[in-house]
């Protein structure tokens, strides 16, 4: 997925029709989590929306991404 923060402070993740990134999995809530950008530092973070199963983040250390580079996680 390509996520564009030009017109949004938060990106909505979930299986609902009104989310920005739609995930087709029964274990994912309609509005599961948000990806937000800190306006001061530009850093991205994920925020769980109180989902039943929670949100697992597998990255344990800061990950610097290069622009125009494809990543396969």
C-alpha atoms as a PDB file:
ATOM      1  CA  UNK A   1       0.000   0.000   0.000  1.00  0.00           C
ATOM      2  CA  UNK A   2       1.094   3.555  -0.661  1.00  0.00           C
ATOM      3  CA  UNK A   3       0.150   5.914   2.161  1.00  0.00           C
ATOM      4  CA  UNK A   4      -0.110   9.615   1.406  1.00  0.00           C
ATOM      5  CA  UNK A   5      -0.128  12.097   4.316  1.00  0.00           C
ATOM      6  CA  UNK A   6      -0.536  15.198   2.131  1.00  0.00           C
ATOM      7  CA  UNK A   7      -4.186  15.728   3.131  1.00  0.00           C
ATOM      8  CA  UNK A   8      -4.456  13.744   6.368  1.00  0.00           C
ATOM      9  CA  UNK A   9      -3.065  13.751   9.891  1.00  0.00           C
ATOM     10  CA  UNK A  10      -4.010  10.101  10.475  1.00  0.00           C
ATOM     11  CA  UNK A  11      -4.496   7.154   8.142  1.00  0.00           C
ATOM     12  CA  UNK A  12      -7.273   4.738   9.155  1.00  0.00           C
ATOM     13  CA  UNK A  13      -6.605   0.973   8.994  1.00  0.00           C
ATOM     14  CA  UNK A  14      -9.294  -1.702   9.194  1.00  0.00           C
ATOM     15  CA  UNK A  15     -11.811  -3.801   7.305  1.00  0.00           C
ATOM     16  CA  UNK A  16     -14.491  -1.082   7.113  1.00  0.00           C
ATOM     17  CA  UNK A  17     -15.438   0.574   3.831  1.00  0.00           C
ATOM     18  CA  UNK A  18     -14.504   4.038   5.131  1.00  0.00           C
ATOM     19  CA  UNK A  19     -10.876   3.199   6.016  1.00  0.00           C
ATOM     20  CA  UNK A  20      -7.873   4.477   4.059  1.00  0.00           C
ATOM     21  CA  UNK A  21      -6.126   1.082   4.065  1.00  0.00           C
ATOM     22  CA  UNK A  22      -8.615  -1.786   3.905  1.00  0.00           C
ATOM     23  CA  UNK A  23      -7.541  -5.138   5.369  1.00  0.00           C
ATOM     24  CA  UNK A  24      -9.716  -8.134   4.496  1.00  0.00           C
ATOM     25  CA  UNK A  25      -9.268 -10.295   7.591  1.00  0.00           C
ATOM     26  CA  UNK A  26     -11.913 -11.277  10.156  1.00  0.00           C
ATOM     27  CA  UNK A  27      -9.454 -10.660  13.034  1.00  0.00           C
ATOM     28  CA  UNK A  28      -9.171  -6.997  11.999  1.00  0.00           C
ATOM     29  CA  UNK A  29     -11.748  -4.547  13.387  1.00  0.00           C
ATOM     30  CA  UNK A  30     -13.748  -2.222  11.121  1.00  0.00           C
ATOM     31  CA  UNK A  31     -11.569   0.648  12.372  1.00  0.00           C
ATOM     32  CA  UNK A  32      -8.620  -1.216  13.841  1.00  0.00           C
ATOM     33  CA  UNK A  33      -5.793   1.300  14.114  1.00  0.00           C
ATOM     34  CA  UNK A  34      -4.330   4.575  12.870  1.00  0.00           C
ATOM     35  CA  UNK A  35      -0.974   5.482  11.368  1.00  0.00           C
ATOM     36  CA  UNK A  36      -0.161   9.051  12.333  1.00  0.00           C
ATOM     37  CA  UNK A  37       2.650  11.447  11.517  1.00  0.00           C
ATOM     38  CA  UNK A  38       4.172  13.650  14.209  1.00  0.00           C
ATOM     39  CA  UNK A  39       3.993  17.183  12.749  1.00  0.00           C
ATOM     40  CA  UNK A  40       7.165  18.298  14.546  1.00  0.00           C
ATOM     41  CA  UNK A  41       9.503  15.377  13.837  1.00  0.00           C
ATOM     42  CA  UNK A  42       7.856  13.771  10.811  1.00  0.00           C
ATOM     43  CA  UNK A  43       8.052  10.368  12.504  1.00  0.00           C
ATOM     44  CA  UNK A  44       5.288   7.845  11.896  1.00  0.00           C
ATOM     45  CA  UNK A  45       3.626   5.843  14.643  1.00  0.00           C
ATOM     46  CA  UNK A  46       0.783   3.354  14.920  1.00  0.00           C
ATOM     47  CA  UNK A  47      -2.074   3.727  17.400  1.00  0.00           C
ATOM     48  CA  UNK A  48      -4.450   0.863  18.197  1.00  0.00           C
ATOM     49  CA  UNK A  49      -8.129   1.889  18.275  1.00  0.00           C
ATOM     50  CA  UNK A  50      -9.072  -0.424  21.160  1.00  0.00           C
ATOM     51  CA  UNK A  51      -9.431  -3.405  18.839  1.00  0.00           C
ATOM     52  CA  UNK A  52     -10.429  -6.777  20.302  1.00  0.00           C
ATOM     53  CA  UNK A  53      -7.205  -8.565  19.328  1.00  0.00           C
ATOM     54  CA  UNK A  54      -4.847  -5.581  19.587  1.00  0.00           C
ATOM     55  CA  UNK A  55      -2.204  -4.495  17.099  1.00  0.00           C
ATOM     56  CA  UNK A  56       1.079  -6.358  16.752  1.00  0.00           C
ATOM     57  CA  UNK A  57       4.113  -4.356  15.640  1.00  0.00           C
ATOM     58  CA  UNK A  58       7.017  -6.533  14.592  1.00  0.00           C
ATOM     59  CA  UNK A  59       9.555  -3.730  14.132  1.00  0.00           C
ATOM     60  CA  UNK A  60      11.541  -3.405  17.365  1.00  0.00           C
ATOM     61  CA  UNK A  61      13.870  -0.540  16.450  1.00  0.00           C
ATOM     62  CA  UNK A  62      13.553   2.621  14.345  1.00  0.00           C
ATOM     63  CA  UNK A  63      13.394   1.818  10.648  1.00  0.00           C
ATOM     64  CA  UNK A  64      14.575   4.482   8.226  1.00  0.00           C
ATOM     65  CA  UNK A  65      12.866   4.182   4.847  1.00  0.00           C
ATOM     66  CA  UNK A  66      14.297   5.477   1.591  1.00  0.00           C
ATOM     67  CA  UNK A  67      12.094   7.457  -0.754  1.00  0.00           C
ATOM     68  CA  UNK A  68      11.021   5.661  -3.960  1.00  0.00           C
ATOM     69  CA  UNK A  69      12.254   2.301  -2.682  1.00  0.00           C
ATOM     70  CA  UNK A  70      10.089  -0.837  -2.563  1.00  0.00           C
ATOM     71  CA  UNK A  71      10.057  -2.795   0.706  1.00  0.00           C
ATOM     72  CA  UNK A  72       8.794  -6.348   1.206  1.00  0.00           C
ATOM     73  CA  UNK A  73       8.119  -7.108   4.860  1.00  0.00           C
END
